Amino acid sequence: MNRIDKLIIQAKRMARPGLELTVALIEQNGDSWTAQAHLSDGVPGHTPTIKRATYATMEAAVEHIHAMSLEYPNSKDVPIIIDDLGG
């Protein structure tokens, strides 16, 4: 096997599949807000990666989710819907 073939195999092993934002939630926990971003690689059966971050304000948590949507764009161009699902 020549060197180029070895480098191609090594690159494929190191390559991380592209992740995209599929679900995002923001929950209030006492005086803070937790933003959760579910990232999927699109492979059926794979467990999504969940990134969590805590903020002092709801606005900061929403900004975090917007930033995650830019970093991990959804291939279906799904809009962000903000709604209060509380009782």
PDB file of N, CA and C in Angstrom:
ATOM      1  N   MET A   1       0.852  -1.168   0.000  1.00  0.00           N
ATOM      2  CA  MET A   1       0.000   0.000   0.000  1.00  0.00           C
ATOM      3  C   MET A   1       0.901   1.235   0.000  1.00  0.00           C
ATOM      4  N   ASN A   2       0.579   2.156  -0.876  1.00  0.00           N
ATOM      5  CA  ASN A   2       1.442   3.337  -0.932  1.00  0.00           C
ATOM      6  C   ASN A   2       1.058   4.373   0.114  1.00  0.00           C
ATOM      7  N   ARG A   3       1.887   5.368   0.260  1.00  0.00           N
ATOM      8  CA  ARG A   3       1.716   6.375   1.316  1.00  0.00           C
ATOM      9  C   ARG A   3       0.401   7.140   1.190  1.00  0.00           C
ATOM     10  N   ILE A   4      -0.022   7.444  -0.020  1.00  0.00           N
ATOM     11  CA  ILE A   4      -1.273   8.195  -0.215  1.00  0.00           C
ATOM     12  C   ILE A   4      -2.458   7.378   0.288  1.00  0.00           C
ATOM     13  N   ASP A   5      -2.476   6.083  -0.015  1.00  0.00           N
ATOM     14  CA  ASP A   5      -3.567   5.230   0.475  1.00  0.00           C
ATOM     15  C   ASP A   5      -3.607   5.214   1.998  1.00  0.00           C
ATOM     16  N   LYS A   6      -2.456   5.147   2.638  1.00  0.00           N
ATOM     17  CA  LYS A   6      -2.396   5.153   4.097  1.00  0.00           C
ATOM     18  C   LYS A   6      -2.921   6.470   4.655  1.00  0.00           C
ATOM     19  N   LEU A   7      -2.574   7.582   4.005  1.00  0.00           N
ATOM     20  CA  LEU A   7      -3.055   8.882   4.457  1.00  0.00           C
ATOM     21  C   LEU A   7      -4.571   9.006   4.286  1.00  0.00           C
ATOM     22  N   ILE A   8      -5.114   8.465   3.220  1.00  0.00           N
ATOM     23  CA  ILE A   8      -6.560   8.501   3.009  1.00  0.00           C
ATOM     24  C   ILE A   8      -7.277   7.695   4.086  1.00  0.00           C
ATOM     25  N   ILE A   9      -6.766   6.535   4.404  1.00  0.00           N
ATOM     26  CA  ILE A   9      -7.367   5.708   5.457  1.00  0.00           C
ATOM     27  C   ILE A   9      -7.296   6.425   6.794  1.00  0.00           C
ATOM     28  N   GLN A  10      -6.159   7.038   7.090  1.00  0.00           N
ATOM     29  CA  GLN A  10      -6.006   7.770   8.345  1.00  0.00           C
ATOM     30  C   GLN A  10      -6.973   8.946   8.403  1.00  0.00           C
ATOM     31  N   ALA A  11      -7.140   9.671   7.314  1.00  0.00           N
ATOM     32  CA  ALA A  11      -8.053  10.814   7.288  1.00  0.00           C
ATOM     33  C   ALA A  11      -9.493  10.368   7.497  1.00  0.00           C
ATOM     34  N   LYS A  12      -9.875   9.243   6.920  1.00  0.00           N
ATOM     35  CA  LYS A  12     -11.237   8.734   7.112  1.00  0.00           C
ATOM     36  C   LYS A  12     -11.485   8.339   8.562  1.00  0.00           C
ATOM     37  N   ARG A  13     -10.478   7.804   9.219  1.00  0.00           N
ATOM     38  CA  ARG A  13     -10.621   7.435  10.634  1.00  0.00           C
ATOM     39  C   ARG A  13     -10.783   8.673  11.502  1.00  0.00           C
ATOM     40  N   MET A  14     -10.096   9.739  11.144  1.00  0.00           N
ATOM     41  CA  MET A  14     -10.116  10.954  11.950  1.00  0.00           C
ATOM     42  C   MET A  14     -11.334  11.829  11.655  1.00  0.00           C
ATOM     43  N   ALA A  15     -11.934  11.638  10.502  1.00  0.00           N
ATOM     44  CA  ALA A  15     -13.049  12.504  10.106  1.00  0.00           C
ATOM     45  C   ALA A  15     -14.249  12.285  11.015  1.00  0.00           C
ATOM     46  N   ARG A  16     -14.783  13.361  11.497  1.00  0.00           N
ATOM     47  CA  ARG A  16     -15.981  13.307  12.323  1.00  0.00           C
ATOM     48  C   ARG A  16     -17.167  13.598  11.415  1.00  0.00           C
ATOM     49  N   PRO A  17     -18.226  12.800  11.536  1.00  0.00           N
ATOM     50  CA  PRO A  17     -19.381  13.091  10.689  1.00  0.00           C
ATOM     51  C   PRO A  17     -19.952  14.463  11.029  1.00  0.00           C
ATOM     52  N   GLY A  18     -20.530  15.102  10.053  1.00  0.00           N
ATOM     53  CA  GLY A  18     -21.106  16.424  10.271  1.00  0.00           C
ATOM     54  C   GLY A  18     -22.298  16.353  11.206  1.00  0.00           C
ATOM     55  N   LEU A  19     -22.289  17.192  12.196  1.00  0.00           N
ATOM     56  CA  LEU A  19     -23.394  17.250  13.141  1.00  0.00           C
ATOM     57  C   LEU A  19     -24.300  18.409  12.769  1.00  0.00           C
ATOM     58  N   GLU A  20     -25.591  18.252  13.058  1.00  0.00           N
ATOM     59  CA  GLU A  20     -26.534  19.337  12.832  1.00  0.00           C
ATOM     60  C   GLU A  20     -27.490  19.442  14.004  1.00  0.00           C
ATOM     61  N   LEU A  21     -27.930  20.662  14.266  1.00  0.00           N
ATOM     62  CA  LEU A  21     -28.865  20.922  15.352  1.00  0.00           C
ATOM     63  C   LEU A  21     -30.231  20.378  14.962  1.00  0.00           C
ATOM     64  N   THR A  22     -30.767  19.492  15.798  1.00  0.00           N
ATOM     65  CA  THR A  22     -32.081  18.917  15.502  1.00  0.00           C
ATOM     66  C   THR A  22     -33.141  19.359  16.496  1.00  0.00           C
ATOM     67  N   VAL A  23     -32.777  19.542  17.757  1.00  0.00           N
ATOM     68  CA  VAL A  23     -33.716  19.968  18.796  1.00  0.00           C
ATOM     69  C   VAL A  23     -32.967  20.867  19.766  1.00  0.00           C
ATOM     70  N   ALA A  24     -33.638  21.914  20.224  1.00  0.00           N
ATOM     71  CA  ALA A  24     -33.054  22.780  21.246  1.00  0.00           C
ATOM     72  C   ALA A  24     -34.124  23.102  22.280  1.00  0.00           C
ATOM     73  N   LEU A  25     -33.727  23.042  23.537  1.00  0.00           N
ATOM     74  CA  LEU A  25     -34.635  23.323  24.645  1.00  0.00           C
ATOM     75  C   LEU A  25     -33.981  24.310  25.596  1.00  0.00           C
ATOM     76  N   ILE A  26     -34.810  25.135  26.223  1.00  0.00           N
ATOM     77  CA  ILE A  26     -34.334  26.031  27.265  1.00  0.00           C
ATOM     78  C   ILE A  26     -35.247  25.831  28.463  1.00  0.00           C
ATOM     79  N   GLU A  27     -34.633  25.529  29.611  1.00  0.00           N
ATOM     80  CA  GLU A  27     -35.391  25.283  30.832  1.00  0.00           C
ATOM     81  C   GLU A  27     -34.916  26.225  31.928  1.00  0.00           C
ATOM     82  N   GLN A  28     -35.869  26.659  32.753  1.00  0.00           N
ATOM     83  CA  GLN A  28     -35.514  27.476  33.905  1.00  0.00           C
ATOM     84  C   GLN A  28     -35.226  26.559  35.080  1.00  0.00           C
ATOM     85  N   ASN A  29     -34.092  26.793  35.728  1.00  0.00           N
ATOM     86  CA  ASN A  29     -33.687  26.044  36.914  1.00  0.00           C
ATOM     87  C   ASN A  29     -33.390  27.035  38.019  1.00  0.00           C
ATOM     88  N   GLY A  30     -34.395  27.345  38.830  1.00  0.00           N
ATOM     89  CA  GLY A  30     -34.210  28.338  39.882  1.00  0.00           C
ATOM     90  C   GLY A  30     -33.978  29.706  39.281  1.00  0.00           C
ATOM     91  N   ASP A  31     -32.815  30.292  39.552  1.00  0.00           N
ATOM     92  CA  ASP A  31     -32.482  31.620  39.031  1.00  0.00           C
ATOM     93  C   ASP A  31     -31.690  31.575  37.727  1.00  0.00           C
ATOM     94  N   SER A  32     -31.465  30.391  37.173  1.00  0.00           N
ATOM     95  CA  SER A  32     -30.675  30.283  35.948  1.00  0.00           C
ATOM     96  C   SER A  32     -31.485  29.584  34.844  1.00  0.00           C
ATOM     97  N   TRP A  33     -30.928  29.627  33.658  1.00  0.00           N
ATOM     98  CA  TRP A  33     -31.566  29.035  32.484  1.00  0.00           C
ATOM     99  C   TRP A  33     -30.578  28.072  31.839  1.00  0.00           C
ATOM    100  N   THR A  34     -31.054  26.853  31.524  1.00  0.00           N
ATOM    101  CA  THR A  34     -30.209  25.847  30.886  1.00  0.00           C
ATOM    102  C   THR A  34     -30.625  25.679  29.433  1.00  0.00           C
ATOM    103  N   ALA A  35     -29.674  25.869  28.535  1.00  0.00           N
ATOM    104  CA  ALA A  35     -29.902  25.662  27.105  1.00  0.00           C
ATOM    105  C   ALA A  35     -29.353  24.291  26.732  1.00  0.00           C
ATOM    106  N   GLN A  36     -30.181  23.491  26.071  1.00  0.00           N
ATOM    107  CA  GLN A  36     -29.762  22.166  25.615  1.00  0.00           C
ATOM    108  C   GLN A  36     -29.879  22.106  24.100  1.00  0.00           C
ATOM    109  N   ALA A  37     -28.809  21.732  23.441  1.00  0.00           N
ATOM    110  CA  ALA A  37     -28.801  21.579  21.988  1.00  0.00           C
ATOM    111  C   ALA A  37     -28.538  20.119  21.661  1.00  0.00           C
ATOM    112  N   HIS A  38     -29.464  19.498  20.952  1.00  0.00           N
ATOM    113  CA  HIS A  38     -29.322  18.106  20.528  1.00  0.00           C
ATOM    114  C   HIS A  38     -28.745  18.114  19.116  1.00  0.00           C
ATOM    115  N   LEU A  39     -27.577  17.501  18.975  1.00  0.00           N
ATOM    116  CA  LEU A  39     -26.876  17.471  17.694  1.00  0.00           C
ATOM    117  C   LEU A  39     -26.874  16.048  17.160  1.00  0.00           C
ATOM    118  N   SER A  40     -27.265  15.899  15.901  1.00  0.00           N
ATOM    119  CA  SER A  40     -27.362  14.572  15.288  1.00  0.00           C
ATOM    120  C   SER A  40     -26.419  14.469  14.099  1.00  0.00           C
ATOM    121  N   ASP A  41     -25.907  13.254  13.877  1.00  0.00           N
ATOM    122  CA  ASP A  41     -25.076  13.024  12.695  1.00  0.00           C
ATOM    123  C   ASP A  41     -25.919  12.496  11.531  1.00  0.00           C
ATOM    124  N   GLY A  42     -27.226  12.340  11.733  1.00  0.00           N
ATOM    125  CA  GLY A  42     -28.126  11.912  10.669  1.00  0.00           C
ATOM    126  C   GLY A  42     -28.166  10.422  10.422  1.00  0.00           C
ATOM    127  N   VAL A  43     -27.419   9.644  11.193  1.00  0.00           N
ATOM    128  CA  VAL A  43     -27.391   8.201  11.018  1.00  0.00           C
ATOM    129  C   VAL A  43     -28.464   7.576  11.911  1.00  0.00           C
ATOM    130  N   PRO A  44     -29.435   6.863  11.323  1.00  0.00           N
ATOM    131  CA  PRO A  44     -30.484   6.243  12.132  1.00  0.00           C
ATOM    132  C   PRO A  44     -29.890   5.322  13.201  1.00  0.00           C
ATOM    133  N   GLY A  45     -30.412   5.432  14.415  1.00  0.00           N
ATOM    134  CA  GLY A  45     -29.939   4.603  15.514  1.00  0.00           C
ATOM    135  C   GLY A  45     -28.830   5.210  16.343  1.00  0.00           C
ATOM    136  N   HIS A  46     -28.175   6.249  15.836  1.00  0.00           N
ATOM    137  CA  HIS A  46     -27.113   6.907  16.608  1.00  0.00           C
ATOM    138  C   HIS A  46     -27.736   7.830  17.640  1.00  0.00           C
ATOM    139  N   THR A  47     -27.193   7.825  18.837  1.00  0.00           N
ATOM    140  CA  THR A  47     -27.667   8.697  19.906  1.00  0.00           C
ATOM    141  C   THR A  47     -27.164  10.114  19.661  1.00  0.00           C
ATOM    142  N   PRO A  48     -28.045  11.117  19.748  1.00  0.00           N
ATOM    143  CA  PRO A  48     -27.576  12.485  19.522  1.00  0.00           C
ATOM    144  C   PRO A  48     -26.641  12.962  20.633  1.00  0.00           C
ATOM    145  N   THR A  49     -25.760  13.858  20.278  1.00  0.00           N
ATOM    146  CA  THR A  49     -24.894  14.519  21.243  1.00  0.00           C
ATOM    147  C   THR A  49     -25.692  15.663  21.848  1.00  0.00           C
ATOM    148  N   ILE A  50     -25.663  15.808  23.166  1.00  0.00           N
ATOM    149  CA  ILE A  50     -26.395  16.885  23.829  1.00  0.00           C
ATOM    150  C   ILE A  50     -25.386  17.825  24.476  1.00  0.00           C
ATOM    151  N   LYS A  51     -25.419  19.081  24.054  1.00  0.00           N
ATOM    152  CA  LYS A  51     -24.557  20.098  24.643  1.00  0.00           C
ATOM    153  C   LYS A  51     -25.425  20.982  25.529  1.00  0.00           C
ATOM    154  N   ARG A  52     -24.997  21.145  26.774  1.00  0.00           N
ATOM    155  CA  ARG A  52     -25.738  21.951  27.747  1.00  0.00           C
ATOM    156  C   ARG A  52     -24.890  23.135  28.199  1.00  0.00           C
ATOM    157  N   ALA A  53     -25.573  24.244  28.442  1.00  0.00           N
ATOM    158  CA  ALA A  53     -24.909  25.429  28.977  1.00  0.00           C
ATOM    159  C   ALA A  53     -25.909  26.170  29.865  1.00  0.00           C
ATOM    160  N   THR A  54     -25.424  26.751  30.949  1.00  0.00           N
ATOM    161  CA  THR A  54     -26.280  27.458  31.892  1.00  0.00           C
ATOM    162  C   THR A  54     -25.992  28.955  31.834  1.00  0.00           C
ATOM    163  N   TYR A  55     -27.069  29.741  31.863  1.00  0.00           N
ATOM    164  CA  TYR A  55     -26.960  31.196  31.754  1.00  0.00           C
ATOM    165  C   TYR A  55     -27.800  31.863  32.829  1.00  0.00           C
ATOM    166  N   ALA A  56     -27.467  33.102  33.134  1.00  0.00           N
ATOM    167  CA  ALA A  56     -28.186  33.865  34.155  1.00  0.00           C
ATOM    168  C   ALA A  56     -29.520  34.384  33.632  1.00  0.00           C
ATOM    169  N   THR A  57     -29.621  34.593  32.314  1.00  0.00           N
ATOM    170  CA  THR A  57     -30.860  35.131  31.746  1.00  0.00           C
ATOM    171  C   THR A  57     -31.367  34.238  30.619  1.00  0.00           C
ATOM    172  N   MET A  58     -32.678  34.317  30.390  1.00  0.00           N
ATOM    173  CA  MET A  58     -33.272  33.574  29.290  1.00  0.00           C
ATOM    174  C   MET A  58     -32.749  34.091  27.951  1.00  0.00           C
ATOM    175  N   GLU A  59     -32.543  35.403  27.843  1.00  0.00           N
ATOM    176  CA  GLU A  59     -32.059  35.991  26.597  1.00  0.00           C
ATOM    177  C   GLU A  59     -30.685  35.436  26.225  1.00  0.00           C
ATOM    178  N   ALA A  60     -29.812  35.261  27.207  1.00  0.00           N
ATOM    179  CA  ALA A  60     -28.485  34.699  26.942  1.00  0.00           C
ATOM    180  C   ALA A  60     -28.592  33.250  26.483  1.00  0.00           C
ATOM    181  N   ALA A  61     -29.516  32.492  27.064  1.00  0.00           N
ATOM    182  CA  ALA A  61     -29.722  31.097  26.648  1.00  0.00           C
ATOM    183  C   ALA A  61     -30.243  31.030  25.217  1.00  0.00           C
ATOM    184  N   VAL A  62     -31.159  31.937  24.865  1.00  0.00           N
ATOM    185  CA  VAL A  62     -31.685  31.985  23.494  1.00  0.00           C
ATOM    186  C   VAL A  62     -30.565  32.339  22.518  1.00  0.00           C
ATOM    187  N   GLU A  63     -29.721  33.298  22.874  1.00  0.00           N
ATOM    188  CA  GLU A  63     -28.585  33.662  22.019  1.00  0.00           C
ATOM    189  C   GLU A  63     -27.647  32.473  21.811  1.00  0.00           C
ATOM    190  N   HIS A  64     -27.450  31.691  22.854  1.00  0.00           N
ATOM    191  CA  HIS A  64     -26.609  30.491  22.737  1.00  0.00           C
ATOM    192  C   HIS A  64     -27.197  29.522  21.716  1.00  0.00           C
ATOM    193  N   ILE A  65     -28.508  29.308  21.776  1.00  0.00           N
ATOM    194  CA  ILE A  65     -29.157  28.398  20.821  1.00  0.00           C
ATOM    195  C   ILE A  65     -29.032  28.950  19.401  1.00  0.00           C
ATOM    196  N   HIS A  66     -29.194  30.252  19.232  1.00  0.00           N
ATOM    197  CA  HIS A  66     -29.012  30.852  17.904  1.00  0.00           C
ATOM    198  C   HIS A  66     -27.586  30.634  17.397  1.00  0.00           C
ATOM    199  N   ALA A  67     -26.604  30.788  18.275  1.00  0.00           N
ATOM    200  CA  ALA A  67     -25.208  30.556  17.890  1.00  0.00           C
ATOM    201  C   ALA A  67     -24.981  29.094  17.507  1.00  0.00           C
ATOM    202  N   MET A  68     -25.604  28.174  18.255  1.00  0.00           N
ATOM    203  CA  MET A  68     -25.473  26.749  17.933  1.00  0.00           C
ATOM    204  C   MET A  68     -26.103  26.440  16.568  1.00  0.00           C
ATOM    205  N   SER A  69     -27.196  27.120  16.241  1.00  0.00           N
ATOM    206  CA  SER A  69     -27.837  26.879  14.947  1.00  0.00           C
ATOM    207  C   SER A  69     -26.966  27.357  13.792  1.00  0.00           C
ATOM    208  N   LEU A  70     -26.127  28.353  14.046  1.00  0.00           N
ATOM    209  CA  LEU A  70     -25.184  28.800  13.013  1.00  0.00           C
ATOM    210  C   LEU A  70     -23.987  27.871  12.915  1.00  0.00           C
ATOM    211  N   GLU A  71     -23.535  27.367  14.064  1.00  0.00           N
ATOM    212  CA  GLU A  71     -22.378  26.472  14.075  1.00  0.00           C
ATOM    213  C   GLU A  71     -22.722  25.088  13.531  1.00  0.00           C
ATOM    214  N   TYR A  72     -23.944  24.615  13.812  1.00  0.00           N
ATOM    215  CA  TYR A  72     -24.397  23.297  13.381  1.00  0.00           C
ATOM    216  C   TYR A  72     -25.697  23.435  12.590  1.00  0.00           C
ATOM    217  N   PRO A  73     -25.646  23.993  11.374  1.00  0.00           N
ATOM    218  CA  PRO A  73     -26.876  24.223  10.613  1.00  0.00           C
ATOM    219  C   PRO A  73     -27.593  22.919  10.289  1.00  0.00           C
ATOM    220  N   ASN A  74     -28.916  22.989  10.279  1.00  0.00           N
ATOM    221  CA  ASN A  74     -29.741  21.828   9.967  1.00  0.00           C
ATOM    222  C   ASN A  74     -29.880  21.703   8.462  1.00  0.00           C
ATOM    223  N   SER A  75     -29.687  20.507   7.938  1.00  0.00           N
ATOM    224  CA  SER A  75     -29.733  20.287   6.495  1.00  0.00           C
ATOM    225  C   SER A  75     -31.129  20.465   5.920  1.00  0.00           C
ATOM    226  N   LYS A  76     -32.137  20.471   6.763  1.00  0.00           N
ATOM    227  CA  LYS A  76     -33.525  20.626   6.301  1.00  0.00           C
ATOM    228  C   LYS A  76     -33.988  22.074   6.365  1.00  0.00           C
ATOM    229  N   ASP A  77     -33.112  22.994   6.796  1.00  0.00           N
ATOM    230  CA  ASP A  77     -33.436  24.407   6.933  1.00  0.00           C
ATOM    231  C   ASP A  77     -34.684  24.606   7.787  1.00  0.00           C
ATOM    232  N   VAL A  78     -34.674  23.971   8.958  1.00  0.00           N
ATOM    233  CA  VAL A  78     -35.799  24.026   9.884  1.00  0.00           C
ATOM    234  C   VAL A  78     -35.745  25.333  10.661  1.00  0.00           C
ATOM    235  N   PRO A  79     -36.874  26.037  10.766  1.00  0.00           N
ATOM    236  CA  PRO A  79     -36.867  27.302  11.512  1.00  0.00           C
ATOM    237  C   PRO A  79     -36.777  27.074  13.016  1.00  0.00           C
ATOM    238  N   ILE A  80     -36.322  28.097  13.711  1.00  0.00           N
ATOM    239  CA  ILE A  80     -36.297  28.067  15.176  1.00  0.00           C
ATOM    240  C   ILE A  80     -37.650  28.573  15.661  1.00  0.00           C
ATOM    241  N   ILE A  81     -38.310  27.789  16.506  1.00  0.00           N
ATOM    242  CA  ILE A  81     -39.599  28.152  17.065  1.00  0.00           C
ATOM    243  C   ILE A  81     -39.421  28.352  18.556  1.00  0.00           C
ATOM    244  N   ILE A  82     -39.799  29.505  19.054  1.00  0.00           N
ATOM    245  CA  ILE A  82     -39.689  29.780  20.472  1.00  0.00           C
ATOM    246  C   ILE A  82     -41.103  29.820  21.043  1.00  0.00           C
ATOM    247  N   ASP A  83     -41.349  28.991  22.041  1.00  0.00           N
ATOM    248  CA  ASP A  83     -42.679  28.911  22.638  1.00  0.00           C
ATOM    249  C   ASP A  83     -42.529  28.570  24.108  1.00  0.00           C
ATOM    250  N   ASP A  84     -43.432  29.053  24.921  1.00  0.00           N
ATOM    251  CA  ASP A  84     -43.463  28.725  26.336  1.00  0.00           C
ATOM    252  C   ASP A  84     -44.400  27.535  26.501  1.00  0.00           C
ATOM    253  N   LEU A  85     -43.840  26.371  26.791  1.00  0.00           N
ATOM    254  CA  LEU A  85     -44.631  25.157  26.917  1.00  0.00           C
ATOM    255  C   LEU A  85     -45.073  24.899  28.347  1.00  0.00           C
ATOM    256  N   GLY A  86     -44.821  25.860  29.209  1.00  0.00           N
ATOM    257  CA  GLY A  86     -45.205  25.719  30.614  1.00  0.00           C
ATOM    258  C   GLY A  86     -46.722  25.694  30.784  1.00  0.00           C
ATOM    259  N   GLY A  87     -47.145  25.216  31.943  1.00  0.00           N
ATOM    260  CA  GLY A  87     -48.568  25.046  32.213  1.00  0.00           C
ATOM    261  C   GLY A  87     -49.291  26.256  32.543  1.00  0.00           C
TER     262      GLY A  87
END
